């Protein structure tokens, strides 16, 4: 089976947060030396972009992989009990409130009773 990659859906509030944080960093760097502004503020701006664009989901063989930044977590597809569309605000690997809730048959998969909620662009 081929690997399928799904990008994360991103809501407007995430883009606003991404704009506000670098602007605040650059404004606070006005009284600091130029190297502070370039390295610290520029680095934080790039890090925010990489984190935002680094969220994706893959179906690779018998696993669902959730990538956040450079870290991935794999979940066995065979242990999925149910999948449904939800709209929620739980803190998960999702950059959108329009999500897919995945419930597993075995609690040990997530080490929690809460479902896994992800936000692919096309849910």
PDB file of N, CA and C in Angstrom:
ATOM      1  N   UNK A   1       0.841  -1.188   0.000  1.00  0.00           N
ATOM      2  CA  UNK A   1       0.000   0.000   0.000  1.00  0.00           C
ATOM      3  C   UNK A   1       0.877   1.239   0.000  1.00  0.00           C
ATOM      4  N   UNK A   2       0.484   2.217  -0.787  1.00  0.00           N
ATOM      5  CA  UNK A   2       1.240   3.461  -0.873  1.00  0.00           C
ATOM      6  C   UNK A   2       1.011   4.341   0.343  1.00  0.00           C
ATOM      7  N   UNK A   3       1.966   5.210   0.561  1.00  0.00           N
ATOM      8  CA  UNK A   3       1.849   6.146   1.679  1.00  0.00           C
ATOM      9  C   UNK A   3       0.981   7.328   1.246  1.00  0.00           C
ATOM     10  N   UNK A   4      -0.019   7.666   2.063  1.00  0.00           N
ATOM     11  CA  UNK A   4      -0.881   8.819   1.812  1.00  0.00           C
ATOM     12  C   UNK A   4      -0.564   9.894   2.842  1.00  0.00           C
ATOM     13  N   UNK A   5      -0.324  11.117   2.365  1.00  0.00           N
ATOM     14  CA  UNK A   5       0.019  12.230   3.249  1.00  0.00           C
ATOM     15  C   UNK A   5      -1.131  13.230   3.245  1.00  0.00           C
ATOM     16  N   UNK A   6      -1.514  13.671   4.444  1.00  0.00           N
ATOM     17  CA  UNK A   6      -2.590  14.642   4.602  1.00  0.00           C
ATOM     18  C   UNK A   6      -2.056  15.832   5.395  1.00  0.00           C
ATOM     19  N   UNK A   7      -2.171  17.021   4.861  1.00  0.00           N
ATOM     20  CA  UNK A   7      -1.759  18.236   5.555  1.00  0.00           C
ATOM     21  C   UNK A   7      -2.803  18.598   6.600  1.00  0.00           C
ATOM     22  N   UNK A   8      -2.368  19.313   7.609  1.00  0.00           N
ATOM     23  CA  UNK A   8      -3.273  19.743   8.661  1.00  0.00           C
ATOM     24  C   UNK A   8      -4.053  20.977   8.217  1.00  0.00           C
ATOM     25  N   UNK A   9      -5.319  21.004   8.540  1.00  0.00           N
ATOM     26  CA  UNK A   9      -6.114  22.202   8.306  1.00  0.00           C
ATOM     27  C   UNK A   9      -5.703  23.274   9.312  1.00  0.00           C
ATOM     28  N   UNK A  10      -5.657  24.514   8.871  1.00  0.00           N
ATOM     29  CA  UNK A  10      -5.213  25.608   9.735  1.00  0.00           C
ATOM     30  C   UNK A  10      -6.297  26.674   9.784  1.00  0.00           C
ATOM     31  N   UNK A  11      -6.813  26.959  10.968  1.00  0.00           N
ATOM     32  CA  UNK A  11      -7.852  27.978  11.151  1.00  0.00           C
ATOM     33  C   UNK A  11      -7.265  29.385  11.120  1.00  0.00           C
ATOM     34  N   UNK A  12      -8.150  30.366  10.993  1.00  0.00           N
ATOM     35  CA  UNK A  12      -7.735  31.767  10.908  1.00  0.00           C
ATOM     36  C   UNK A  12      -7.041  32.231  12.180  1.00  0.00           C
ATOM     37  N   UNK A  13      -7.451  31.725  13.350  1.00  0.00           N
ATOM     38  CA  UNK A  13      -6.880  32.184  14.615  1.00  0.00           C
ATOM     39  C   UNK A  13      -5.421  31.755  14.748  1.00  0.00           C
ATOM     40  N   UNK A  14      -5.043  30.667  14.098  1.00  0.00           N
ATOM     41  CA  UNK A  14      -3.642  30.248  14.125  1.00  0.00           C
ATOM     42  C   UNK A  14      -2.794  31.223  13.309  1.00  0.00           C
ATOM     43  N   UNK A  15      -3.322  31.638  12.140  1.00  0.00           N
ATOM     44  CA  UNK A  15      -2.591  32.609  11.312  1.00  0.00           C
ATOM     45  C   UNK A  15      -2.457  33.950  12.031  1.00  0.00           C
ATOM     46  N   UNK A  16      -3.505  34.371  12.741  1.00  0.00           N
ATOM     47  CA  UNK A  16      -3.436  35.622  13.501  1.00  0.00           C
ATOM     48  C   UNK A  16      -2.382  35.517  14.599  1.00  0.00           C
ATOM     49  N   UNK A  17      -2.368  34.386  15.299  1.00  0.00           N
ATOM     50  CA  UNK A  17      -1.352  34.169  16.342  1.00  0.00           C
ATOM     51  C   UNK A  17       0.044  34.190  15.746  1.00  0.00           C
ATOM     52  N   UNK A  18       0.182  33.615  14.570  1.00  0.00           N
ATOM     53  CA  UNK A  18       1.480  33.592  13.905  1.00  0.00           C
ATOM     54  C   UNK A  18       1.928  34.991  13.503  1.00  0.00           C
ATOM     55  N   UNK A  19       0.996  35.873  13.232  1.00  0.00           N
ATOM     56  CA  UNK A  19       1.348  37.253  12.902  1.00  0.00           C
ATOM     57  C   UNK A  19       1.656  38.073  14.148  1.00  0.00           C
ATOM     58  N   UNK A  20       0.891  37.869  15.211  1.00  0.00           N
ATOM     59  CA  UNK A  20       1.054  38.666  16.429  1.00  0.00           C
ATOM     60  C   UNK A  20       2.373  38.363  17.131  1.00  0.00           C
ATOM     61  N   UNK A  21       2.742  37.093  17.268  1.00  0.00           N
ATOM     62  CA  UNK A  21       3.955  36.727  17.994  1.00  0.00           C
ATOM     63  C   UNK A  21       5.217  37.341  17.388  1.00  0.00           C
ATOM     64  N   UNK A  22       5.480  37.195  16.087  1.00  0.00           N
ATOM     65  CA  UNK A  22       6.685  37.833  15.529  1.00  0.00           C
ATOM     66  C   UNK A  22       6.651  39.358  15.615  1.00  0.00           C
ATOM     67  N   UNK A  23       5.479  39.960  15.446  1.00  0.00           N
ATOM     68  CA  UNK A  23       5.392  41.419  15.548  1.00  0.00           C
ATOM     69  C   UNK A  23       5.777  41.865  16.952  1.00  0.00           C
ATOM     70  N   UNK A  24       5.272  41.168  17.971  1.00  0.00           N
ATOM     71  CA  UNK A  24       5.647  41.502  19.353  1.00  0.00           C
ATOM     72  C   UNK A  24       7.144  41.299  19.582  1.00  0.00           C
ATOM     73  N   UNK A  25       7.704  40.231  19.037  1.00  0.00           N
ATOM     74  CA  UNK A  25       9.146  39.995  19.171  1.00  0.00           C
ATOM     75  C   UNK A  25       9.952  41.121  18.541  1.00  0.00           C
ATOM     76  N   UNK A  26       9.562  41.504  17.326  1.00  0.00           N
ATOM     77  CA  UNK A  26      10.322  42.550  16.622  1.00  0.00           C
ATOM     78  C   UNK A  26      10.159  43.907  17.307  1.00  0.00           C
ATOM     79  N   UNK A  27       8.979  44.197  17.860  1.00  0.00           N
ATOM     80  CA  UNK A  27       8.770  45.468  18.559  1.00  0.00           C
ATOM     81  C   UNK A  27       9.615  45.525  19.827  1.00  0.00           C
ATOM     82  N   UNK A  28       9.700  44.415  20.558  1.00  0.00           N
ATOM     83  CA  UNK A  28      10.506  44.417  21.776  1.00  0.00           C
ATOM     84  C   UNK A  28      12.011  44.468  21.481  1.00  0.00           C
ATOM     85  N   UNK A  29      12.403  44.182  20.262  1.00  0.00           N
ATOM     86  CA  UNK A  29      13.824  44.175  19.894  1.00  0.00           C
ATOM     87  C   UNK A  29      14.324  45.537  19.434  1.00  0.00           C
ATOM     88  N   UNK A  30      13.481  46.558  19.465  1.00  0.00           N
ATOM     89  CA  UNK A  30      13.872  47.880  18.964  1.00  0.00           C
ATOM     90  C   UNK A  30      15.073  48.443  19.721  1.00  0.00           C
ATOM     91  N   UNK A  31      15.111  48.305  21.034  1.00  0.00           N
ATOM     92  CA  UNK A  31      16.204  48.869  21.835  1.00  0.00           C
ATOM     93  C   UNK A  31      17.413  47.944  21.951  1.00  0.00           C
ATOM     94  N   UNK A  32      17.363  46.783  21.357  1.00  0.00           N
ATOM     95  CA  UNK A  32      18.451  45.821  21.434  1.00  0.00           C
ATOM     96  C   UNK A  32      19.373  45.939  20.217  1.00  0.00           C
ATOM     97  N   UNK A  33      20.557  45.355  20.295  1.00  0.00           N
ATOM     98  CA  UNK A  33      21.473  45.387  19.154  1.00  0.00           C
ATOM     99  C   UNK A  33      20.885  44.676  17.932  1.00  0.00           C
ATOM    100  N   UNK A  34      21.406  45.001  16.757  1.00  0.00           N
ATOM    101  CA  UNK A  34      20.878  44.440  15.509  1.00  0.00           C
ATOM    102  C   UNK A  34      20.985  42.909  15.475  1.00  0.00           C
ATOM    103  N   UNK A  35      22.051  42.361  16.059  1.00  0.00           N
ATOM    104  CA  UNK A  35      22.237  40.915  16.018  1.00  0.00           C
ATOM    105  C   UNK A  35      21.162  40.187  16.818  1.00  0.00           C
ATOM    106  N   UNK A  36      20.665  40.848  17.887  1.00  0.00           N
ATOM    107  CA  UNK A  36      19.579  40.262  18.673  1.00  0.00           C
ATOM    108  C   UNK A  36      18.323  40.149  17.807  1.00  0.00           C
ATOM    109  N   UNK A  37      18.028  41.216  17.112  1.00  0.00           N
ATOM    110  CA  UNK A  37      16.835  41.215  16.265  1.00  0.00           C
ATOM    111  C   UNK A  37      16.933  40.163  15.170  1.00  0.00           C
ATOM    112  N   UNK A  38      18.094  40.062  14.550  1.00  0.00           N
ATOM    113  CA  UNK A  38      18.250  39.127  13.441  1.00  0.00           C
ATOM    114  C   UNK A  38      18.226  37.677  13.926  1.00  0.00           C
ATOM    115  N   UNK A  39      19.029  37.371  14.916  1.00  0.00           N
ATOM    116  CA  UNK A  39      19.152  35.983  15.328  1.00  0.00           C
ATOM    117  C   UNK A  39      18.002  35.500  16.210  1.00  0.00           C
ATOM    118  N   UNK A  40      17.653  36.252  17.213  1.00  0.00           N
ATOM    119  CA  UNK A  40      16.607  35.813  18.138  1.00  0.00           C
ATOM    120  C   UNK A  40      15.222  35.975  17.519  1.00  0.00           C
ATOM    121  N   UNK A  41      14.891  37.160  17.072  1.00  0.00           N
ATOM    122  CA  UNK A  41      13.554  37.390  16.522  1.00  0.00           C
ATOM    123  C   UNK A  41      13.368  36.678  15.184  1.00  0.00           C
ATOM    124  N   UNK A  42      14.388  36.728  14.354  1.00  0.00           N
ATOM    125  CA  UNK A  42      14.308  36.020  13.076  1.00  0.00           C
ATOM    126  C   UNK A  42      14.215  34.517  13.286  1.00  0.00           C
ATOM    127  N   UNK A  43      15.011  33.999  14.214  1.00  0.00           N
ATOM    128  CA  UNK A  43      14.959  32.567  14.515  1.00  0.00           C
ATOM    129  C   UNK A  43      13.620  32.132  15.062  1.00  0.00           C
ATOM    130  N   UNK A  44      13.034  32.914  15.953  1.00  0.00           N
ATOM    131  CA  UNK A  44      11.722  32.583  16.508  1.00  0.00           C
ATOM    132  C   UNK A  44      10.635  32.645  15.430  1.00  0.00           C
ATOM    133  N   UNK A  45      10.749  33.601  14.516  1.00  0.00           N
ATOM    134  CA  UNK A  45       9.781  33.699  13.426  1.00  0.00           C
ATOM    135  C   UNK A  45       9.862  32.470  12.526  1.00  0.00           C
ATOM    136  N   UNK A  46      11.065  32.059  12.182  1.00  0.00           N
ATOM    137  CA  UNK A  46      11.247  30.871  11.343  1.00  0.00           C
ATOM    138  C   UNK A  46      10.760  29.624  12.087  1.00  0.00           C
ATOM    139  N   UNK A  47      11.045  29.524  13.370  1.00  0.00           N
ATOM    140  CA  UNK A  47      10.599  28.383  14.166  1.00  0.00           C
ATOM    141  C   UNK A  47       9.074  28.290  14.195  1.00  0.00           C
ATOM    142  N   UNK A  48       8.393  29.415  14.325  1.00  0.00           N
ATOM    143  CA  UNK A  48       6.926  29.419  14.311  1.00  0.00           C
ATOM    144  C   UNK A  48       6.395  28.898  12.977  1.00  0.00           C
ATOM    145  N   UNK A  49       6.996  29.334  11.880  1.00  0.00           N
ATOM    146  CA  UNK A  49       6.569  28.864  10.561  1.00  0.00           C
ATOM    147  C   UNK A  49       6.813  27.375  10.378  1.00  0.00           C
ATOM    148  N   UNK A  50       7.978  26.908  10.810  1.00  0.00           N
ATOM    149  CA  UNK A  50       8.307  25.483  10.674  1.00  0.00           C
ATOM    150  C   UNK A  50       7.348  24.637  11.509  1.00  0.00           C
ATOM    151  N   UNK A  51       7.049  25.060  12.705  1.00  0.00           N
ATOM    152  CA  UNK A  51       6.115  24.313  13.552  1.00  0.00           C
ATOM    153  C   UNK A  51       4.717  24.289  12.942  1.00  0.00           C
ATOM    154  N   UNK A  52       4.306  25.416  12.390  1.00  0.00           N
ATOM    155  CA  UNK A  52       2.976  25.511  11.806  1.00  0.00           C
ATOM    156  C   UNK A  52       2.857  24.630  10.567  1.00  0.00           C
ATOM    157  N   UNK A  53       3.833  24.683   9.713  1.00  0.00           N
ATOM    158  CA  UNK A  53       3.770  23.932   8.468  1.00  0.00           C
ATOM    159  C   UNK A  53       4.268  22.496   8.612  1.00  0.00           C
ATOM    160  N   UNK A  54       4.804  22.132   9.773  1.00  0.00           N
ATOM    161  CA  UNK A  54       5.330  20.797   9.992  1.00  0.00           C
ATOM    162  C   UNK A  54       4.318  19.802  10.530  1.00  0.00           C
ATOM    163  N   UNK A  55       3.071  20.194  10.672  1.00  0.00           N
ATOM    164  CA  UNK A  55       2.039  19.299  11.184  1.00  0.00           C
ATOM    165  C   UNK A  55       1.381  18.586  10.003  1.00  0.00           C
ATOM    166  N   UNK A  56       1.479  17.255   9.998  1.00  0.00           N
ATOM    167  CA  UNK A  56       0.862  16.467   8.930  1.00  0.00           C
ATOM    168  C   UNK A  56       0.521  15.074   9.447  1.00  0.00           C
ATOM    169  N   UNK A  57      -0.255  14.360   8.659  1.00  0.00           N
ATOM    170  CA  UNK A  57      -0.701  13.025   9.015  1.00  0.00           C
ATOM    171  C   UNK A  57      -0.427  12.105   7.831  1.00  0.00           C
ATOM    172  N   UNK A  58       0.014  10.882   8.119  1.00  0.00           N
ATOM    173  CA  UNK A  58       0.307   9.920   7.057  1.00  0.00           C
ATOM    174  C   UNK A  58      -0.343   8.583   7.371  1.00  0.00           C
ATOM    175  N   UNK A  59      -0.843   7.948   6.328  1.00  0.00           N
ATOM    176  CA  UNK A  59      -1.259   6.561   6.434  1.00  0.00           C
ATOM    177  C   UNK A  59      -0.221   5.778   5.656  1.00  0.00           C
ATOM    178  N   UNK A  60       0.554   4.988   6.381  1.00  0.00           N
ATOM    179  CA  UNK A  60       1.666   4.247   5.798  1.00  0.00           C
ATOM    180  C   UNK A  60       1.513   2.780   6.167  1.00  0.00           C
ATOM    181  N   UNK A  61       1.012   1.996   5.236  1.00  0.00           N
ATOM    182  CA  UNK A  61       0.794   0.580   5.511  1.00  0.00           C
ATOM    183  C   UNK A  61      -0.296   0.386   6.538  1.00  0.00           C
ATOM    184  N   UNK A  62       0.051  -0.189   7.675  1.00  0.00           N
ATOM    185  CA  UNK A  62      -0.917  -0.447   8.738  1.00  0.00           C
ATOM    186  C   UNK A  62      -0.853   0.564   9.867  1.00  0.00           C
ATOM    187  N   UNK A  63      -0.204   1.701   9.639  1.00  0.00           N
ATOM    188  CA  UNK A  63      -0.033   2.711  10.690  1.00  0.00           C
ATOM    189  C   UNK A  63      -0.565   4.070  10.256  1.00  0.00           C
ATOM    190  N   UNK A  64      -1.088   4.789  11.241  1.00  0.00           N
ATOM    191  CA  UNK A  64      -1.417   6.201  11.090  1.00  0.00           C
ATOM    192  C   UNK A  64      -0.327   6.958  11.829  1.00  0.00           C
ATOM    193  N   UNK A  65       0.422   7.783  11.113  1.00  0.00           N
ATOM    194  CA  UNK A  65       1.504   8.547  11.726  1.00  0.00           C
ATOM    195  C   UNK A  65       1.077  10.002  11.845  1.00  0.00           C
ATOM    196  N   UNK A  66       1.256  10.575  13.034  1.00  0.00           N
ATOM    197  CA  UNK A  66       0.954  11.984  13.290  1.00  0.00           C
ATOM    198  C   UNK A  66       2.290  12.690  13.493  1.00  0.00           C
ATOM    199  N   UNK A  67       2.595  13.633  12.614  1.00  0.00           N
ATOM    200  CA  UNK A  67       3.853  14.376  12.682  1.00  0.00           C
ATOM    201  C   UNK A  67       3.588  15.762  13.248  1.00  0.00           C
ATOM    202  N   UNK A  68       4.289  16.076  14.325  1.00  0.00           N
ATOM    203  CA  UNK A  68       4.255  17.412  14.908  1.00  0.00           C
ATOM    204  C   UNK A  68       5.689  17.905  14.975  1.00  0.00           C
ATOM    205  N   UNK A  69       5.975  18.929  14.192  1.00  0.00           N
ATOM    206  CA  UNK A  69       7.328  19.463  14.083  1.00  0.00           C
ATOM    207  C   UNK A  69       8.197  18.363  13.499  1.00  0.00           C
ATOM    208  N   UNK A  70       9.197  17.850  14.167  1.00  0.00           N
ATOM    209  CA  UNK A  70      10.006  16.765  13.639  1.00  0.00           C
ATOM    210  C   UNK A  70       9.754  15.449  14.369  1.00  0.00           C
ATOM    211  N   UNK A  71       8.758  15.417  15.214  1.00  0.00           N
ATOM    212  CA  UNK A  71       8.460  14.230  16.022  1.00  0.00           C
ATOM    213  C   UNK A  71       7.236  13.524  15.445  1.00  0.00           C
ATOM    214  N   UNK A  72       7.322  12.211  15.304  1.00  0.00           N
ATOM    215  CA  UNK A  72       6.166  11.467  14.807  1.00  0.00           C
ATOM    216  C   UNK A  72       5.719  10.440  15.846  1.00  0.00           C
ATOM    217  N   UNK A  73       4.425  10.172  15.833  1.00  0.00           N
ATOM    218  CA  UNK A  73       3.840   9.145  16.671  1.00  0.00           C
ATOM    219  C   UNK A  73       3.018   8.246  15.765  1.00  0.00           C
ATOM    220  N   UNK A  74       3.199   6.952  15.904  1.00  0.00           N
ATOM    221  CA  UNK A  74       2.498   5.986  15.048  1.00  0.00           C
ATOM    222  C   UNK A  74       1.422   5.260  15.850  1.00  0.00           C
ATOM    223  N   UNK A  75       0.269   5.075  15.198  1.00  0.00           N
ATOM    224  CA  UNK A  75      -0.862   4.378  15.793  1.00  0.00           C
ATOM    225  C   UNK A  75      -1.300   3.268  14.839  1.00  0.00           C
ATOM    226  N   UNK A  76      -1.573   2.069  15.348  1.00  0.00           N
ATOM    227  CA  UNK A  76      -2.002   0.971  14.471  1.00  0.00           C
ATOM    228  C   UNK A  76      -3.437   1.177  13.981  1.00  0.00           C
ATOM    229  N   UNK A  77      -3.613   1.081  12.679  1.00  0.00           N
ATOM    230  CA  UNK A  77      -4.941   1.253  12.092  1.00  0.00           C
ATOM    231  C   UNK A  77      -5.865   0.118  12.517  1.00  0.00           C
ATOM    232  N   UNK A  78      -5.315  -1.055  12.741  1.00  0.00           N
ATOM    233  CA  UNK A  78      -6.129  -2.207  13.129  1.00  0.00           C
ATOM    234  C   UNK A  78      -6.799  -2.027  14.495  1.00  0.00           C
ATOM    235  N   UNK A  79      -6.308  -1.107  15.310  1.00  0.00           N
ATOM    236  CA  UNK A  79      -6.869  -0.866  16.646  1.00  0.00           C
ATOM    237  C   UNK A  79      -7.916   0.248  16.661  1.00  0.00           C
ATOM    238  N   UNK A  80      -8.247   0.796  15.486  1.00  0.00           N
ATOM    239  CA  UNK A  80      -9.239   1.879  15.424  1.00  0.00           C
ATOM    240  C   UNK A  80     -10.639   1.294  15.554  1.00  0.00           C
ATOM    241  N   UNK A  81     -11.394   1.852  16.501  1.00  0.00           N
ATOM    242  CA  UNK A  81     -12.761   1.386  16.753  1.00  0.00           C
ATOM    243  C   UNK A  81     -13.766   2.203  15.950  1.00  0.00           C
ATOM    244  N   UNK A  82     -13.615   3.537  15.986  1.00  0.00           N
ATOM    245  CA  UNK A  82     -14.540   4.394  15.249  1.00  0.00           C
ATOM    246  C   UNK A  82     -13.852   5.697  14.858  1.00  0.00           C
ATOM    247  N   UNK A  83     -14.369   6.296  13.781  1.00  0.00           N
ATOM    248  CA  UNK A  83     -13.874   7.579  13.279  1.00  0.00           C
ATOM    249  C   UNK A  83     -15.093   8.436  12.997  1.00  0.00           C
ATOM    250  N   UNK A  84     -15.080   9.679  13.509  1.00  0.00           N
ATOM    251  CA  UNK A  84     -16.207  10.573  13.238  1.00  0.00           C
ATOM    252  C   UNK A  84     -15.729  12.021  13.151  1.00  0.00           C
ATOM    253  N   UNK A  85     -16.506  12.823  12.444  1.00  0.00           N
ATOM    254  CA  UNK A  85     -16.206  14.246  12.322  1.00  0.00           C
ATOM    255  C   UNK A  85     -16.696  14.965  13.566  1.00  0.00           C
ATOM    256  N   UNK A  86     -15.865  15.854  14.104  1.00  0.00           N
ATOM    257  CA  UNK A  86     -16.241  16.638  15.276  1.00  0.00           C
ATOM    258  C   UNK A  86     -15.751  18.069  15.104  1.00  0.00           C
ATOM    259  N   UNK A  87     -16.314  18.934  15.915  1.00  0.00           N
ATOM    260  CA  UNK A  87     -15.821  20.302  16.012  1.00  0.00           C
ATOM    261  C   UNK A  87     -15.521  20.514  17.486  1.00  0.00           C
ATOM    262  N   UNK A  88     -14.250  20.715  17.813  1.00  0.00           N
ATOM    263  CA  UNK A  88     -13.899  20.822  19.213  1.00  0.00           C
ATOM    264  C   UNK A  88     -12.706  21.713  19.450  1.00  0.00           C
ATOM    265  N   UNK A  89     -12.438  21.948  20.726  1.00  0.00           N
ATOM    266  CA  UNK A  89     -11.324  22.813  21.112  1.00  0.00           C
ATOM    267  C   UNK A  89     -10.358  22.117  22.061  1.00  0.00           C
ATOM    268  N   UNK A  90     -10.364  20.781  22.080  1.00  0.00           N
ATOM    269  CA  UNK A  90      -9.409  20.060  22.909  1.00  0.00           C
ATOM    270  C   UNK A  90      -7.993  20.332  22.423  1.00  0.00           C
ATOM    271  N   UNK A  91      -7.054  20.327  23.337  1.00  0.00           N
ATOM    272  CA  UNK A  91      -5.655  20.539  22.971  1.00  0.00           C
ATOM    273  C   UNK A  91      -5.102  19.237  22.393  1.00  0.00           C
ATOM    274  N   UNK A  92      -4.939  19.207  21.091  1.00  0.00           N
ATOM    275  CA  UNK A  92      -4.443  18.009  20.418  1.00  0.00           C
ATOM    276  C   UNK A  92      -3.506  18.406  19.299  1.00  0.00           C
ATOM    277  N   UNK A  93      -3.163  17.428  18.488  1.00  0.00           N
ATOM    278  CA  UNK A  93      -2.293  17.658  17.335  1.00  0.00           C
ATOM    279  C   UNK A  93      -3.106  18.220  16.182  1.00  0.00           C
ATOM    280  N   UNK A  94      -3.837  19.272  16.437  1.00  0.00           N
ATOM    281  CA  UNK A  94      -4.721  19.833  15.430  1.00  0.00           C
ATOM    282  C   UNK A  94      -4.633  21.350  15.449  1.00  0.00           C
ATOM    283  N   UNK A  95      -4.576  21.935  14.260  1.00  0.00           N
ATOM    284  CA  UNK A  95      -4.501  23.390  14.138  1.00  0.00           C
ATOM    285  C   UNK A  95      -5.831  23.978  13.681  1.00  0.00           C
ATOM    286  N   UNK A  96      -6.873  23.185  13.762  1.00  0.00           N
ATOM    287  CA  UNK A  96      -8.195  23.619  13.354  1.00  0.00           C
ATOM    288  C   UNK A  96      -9.217  23.073  14.344  1.00  0.00           C
ATOM    289  N   UNK A  97     -10.352  23.730  14.439  1.00  0.00           N
ATOM    290  CA  UNK A  97     -11.413  23.225  15.299  1.00  0.00           C
ATOM    291  C   UNK A  97     -12.282  22.196  14.574  1.00  0.00           C
ATOM    292  N   UNK A  98     -12.157  22.099  13.254  1.00  0.00           N
ATOM    293  CA  UNK A  98     -12.872  21.095  12.466  1.00  0.00           C
ATOM    294  C   UNK A  98     -11.978  19.867  12.407  1.00  0.00           C
ATOM    295  N   UNK A  99     -12.352  18.819  13.144  1.00  0.00           N
ATOM    296  CA  UNK A  99     -11.449  17.698  13.368  1.00  0.00           C
ATOM    297  C   UNK A  99     -12.088  16.354  13.057  1.00  0.00           C
ATOM    298  N   UNK A 100     -11.226  15.342  13.109  1.00  0.00           N
ATOM    299  CA  UNK A 100     -11.641  13.950  13.004  1.00  0.00           C
ATOM    300  C   UNK A 100     -11.273  13.297  14.335  1.00  0.00           C
ATOM    301  N   UNK A 101     -12.261  12.701  14.987  1.00  0.00           N
ATOM    302  CA  UNK A 101     -12.038  12.038  16.268  1.00  0.00           C
ATOM    303  C   UNK A 101     -11.876  10.546  16.026  1.00  0.00           C
ATOM    304  N   UNK A 102     -10.778   9.983  16.530  1.00  0.00           N
ATOM    305  CA  UNK A 102     -10.473   8.569  16.336  1.00  0.00           C
ATOM    306  C   UNK A 102     -10.458   7.897  17.707  1.00  0.00           C
ATOM    307  N   UNK A 103     -11.329   6.907  17.866  1.00  0.00           N
ATOM    308  CA  UNK A 103     -11.413   6.138  19.107  1.00  0.00           C
ATOM    309  C   UNK A 103     -10.778   4.773  18.843  1.00  0.00           C
ATOM    310  N   UNK A 104      -9.898   4.359  19.754  1.00  0.00           N
ATOM    311  CA  UNK A 104      -9.214   3.081  19.612  1.00  0.00           C
ATOM    312  C   UNK A 104      -9.885   2.012  20.461  1.00  0.00           C
ATOM    313  N   UNK A 105      -9.733   0.748  20.049  1.00  0.00           N
ATOM    314  CA  UNK A 105     -10.335  -0.368  20.784  1.00  0.00           C
ATOM    315  C   UNK A 105      -9.634  -0.637  22.100  1.00  0.00           C
ATOM    316  N   UNK A 106      -8.369  -0.290  22.164  1.00  0.00           N
ATOM    317  CA  UNK A 106      -7.562  -0.587  23.337  1.00  0.00           C
ATOM    318  C   UNK A 106      -7.036   0.714  23.940  1.00  0.00           C
ATOM    319  N   UNK A 107      -7.243   0.898  25.218  1.00  0.00           N
ATOM    320  CA  UNK A 107      -6.808   2.115  25.897  1.00  0.00           C
ATOM    321  C   UNK A 107      -5.291   2.281  25.867  1.00  0.00           C
ATOM    322  N   UNK A 108      -4.544   1.202  25.756  1.00  0.00           N
ATOM    323  CA  UNK A 108      -3.080   1.275  25.806  1.00  0.00           C
ATOM    324  C   UNK A 108      -2.469   1.919  24.566  1.00  0.00           C
ATOM    325  N   UNK A 109      -3.223   2.063  23.485  1.00  0.00           N
ATOM    326  CA  UNK A 109      -2.689   2.690  22.278  1.00  0.00           C
ATOM    327  C   UNK A 109      -2.327   4.145  22.557  1.00  0.00           C
ATOM    328  N   UNK A 110      -3.243   4.879  23.164  1.00  0.00           N
ATOM    329  CA  UNK A 110      -3.001   6.291  23.506  1.00  0.00           C
ATOM    330  C   UNK A 110      -2.592   6.475  24.959  1.00  0.00           C
ATOM    331  N   UNK A 111      -2.728   5.429  25.750  1.00  0.00           N
ATOM    332  CA  UNK A 111      -2.507   5.514  27.195  1.00  0.00           C
ATOM    333  C   UNK A 111      -3.465   6.531  27.819  1.00  0.00           C
ATOM    334  N   UNK A 112      -4.678   6.572  27.277  1.00  0.00           N
ATOM    335  CA  UNK A 112      -5.690   7.513  27.724  1.00  0.00           C
ATOM    336  C   UNK A 112      -7.059   7.024  27.250  1.00  0.00           C
ATOM    337  N   UNK A 113      -8.107   7.496  27.915  1.00  0.00           N
ATOM    338  CA  UNK A 113      -9.461   7.188  27.471  1.00  0.00           C
ATOM    339  C   UNK A 113      -9.951   8.207  26.445  1.00  0.00           C
ATOM    340  N   UNK A 114      -9.272   9.329  26.320  1.00  0.00           N
ATOM    341  CA  UNK A 114      -9.672  10.365  25.376  1.00  0.00           C
ATOM    342  C   UNK A 114      -9.366   9.920  23.944  1.00  0.00           C
ATOM    343  N   UNK A 115     -10.187  10.332  22.989  1.00  0.00           N
ATOM    344  CA  UNK A 115      -9.906   9.965  21.602  1.00  0.00           C
ATOM    345  C   UNK A 115      -8.771  10.820  21.027  1.00  0.00           C
ATOM    346  N   UNK A 116      -8.189  10.338  19.950  1.00  0.00           N
ATOM    347  CA  UNK A 116      -7.193  11.105  19.201  1.00  0.00           C
ATOM    348  C   UNK A 116      -7.952  12.025  18.262  1.00  0.00           C
ATOM    349  N   UNK A 117      -7.663  13.313  18.293  1.00  0.00           N
ATOM    350  CA  UNK A 117      -8.321  14.249  17.385  1.00  0.00           C
ATOM    351  C   UNK A 117      -7.282  14.901  16.507  1.00  0.00           C
ATOM    352  N   UNK A 118      -7.486  14.765  15.201  1.00  0.00           N
ATOM    353  CA  UNK A 118      -6.578  15.356  14.216  1.00  0.00           C
ATOM    354  C   UNK A 118      -7.398  16.240  13.287  1.00  0.00           C
ATOM    355  N   UNK A 119      -6.730  17.114  12.536  1.00  0.00           N
ATOM    356  CA  UNK A 119      -7.453  18.055  11.678  1.00  0.00           C
ATOM    357  C   UNK A 119      -6.898  18.074  10.255  1.00  0.00           C
ATOM    358  N   UNK A 120      -7.133  17.015   9.485  1.00  0.00           N
ATOM    359  CA  UNK A 120      -6.684  17.073   8.099  1.00  0.00           C
ATOM    360  C   UNK A 120      -7.483  18.120   7.312  1.00  0.00           C
ATOM    361  N   UNK A 121      -6.884  18.663   6.257  1.00  0.00           N
ATOM    362  CA  UNK A 121      -7.555  19.703   5.464  1.00  0.00           C
ATOM    363  C   UNK A 121      -8.885  19.185   4.943  1.00  0.00           C
ATOM    364  N   UNK A 122      -8.875  18.009   4.340  1.00  0.00           N
ATOM    365  CA  UNK A 122     -10.096  17.410   3.819  1.00  0.00           C
ATOM    366  C   UNK A 122     -10.498  16.276   4.728  1.00  0.00           C
ATOM    367  N   UNK A 123     -11.329  16.611   5.707  1.00  0.00           N
ATOM    368  CA  UNK A 123     -11.658  15.580   6.692  1.00  0.00           C
ATOM    369  C   UNK A 123     -12.692  14.643   6.166  1.00  0.00           C
TER     370      UNK A 123
END
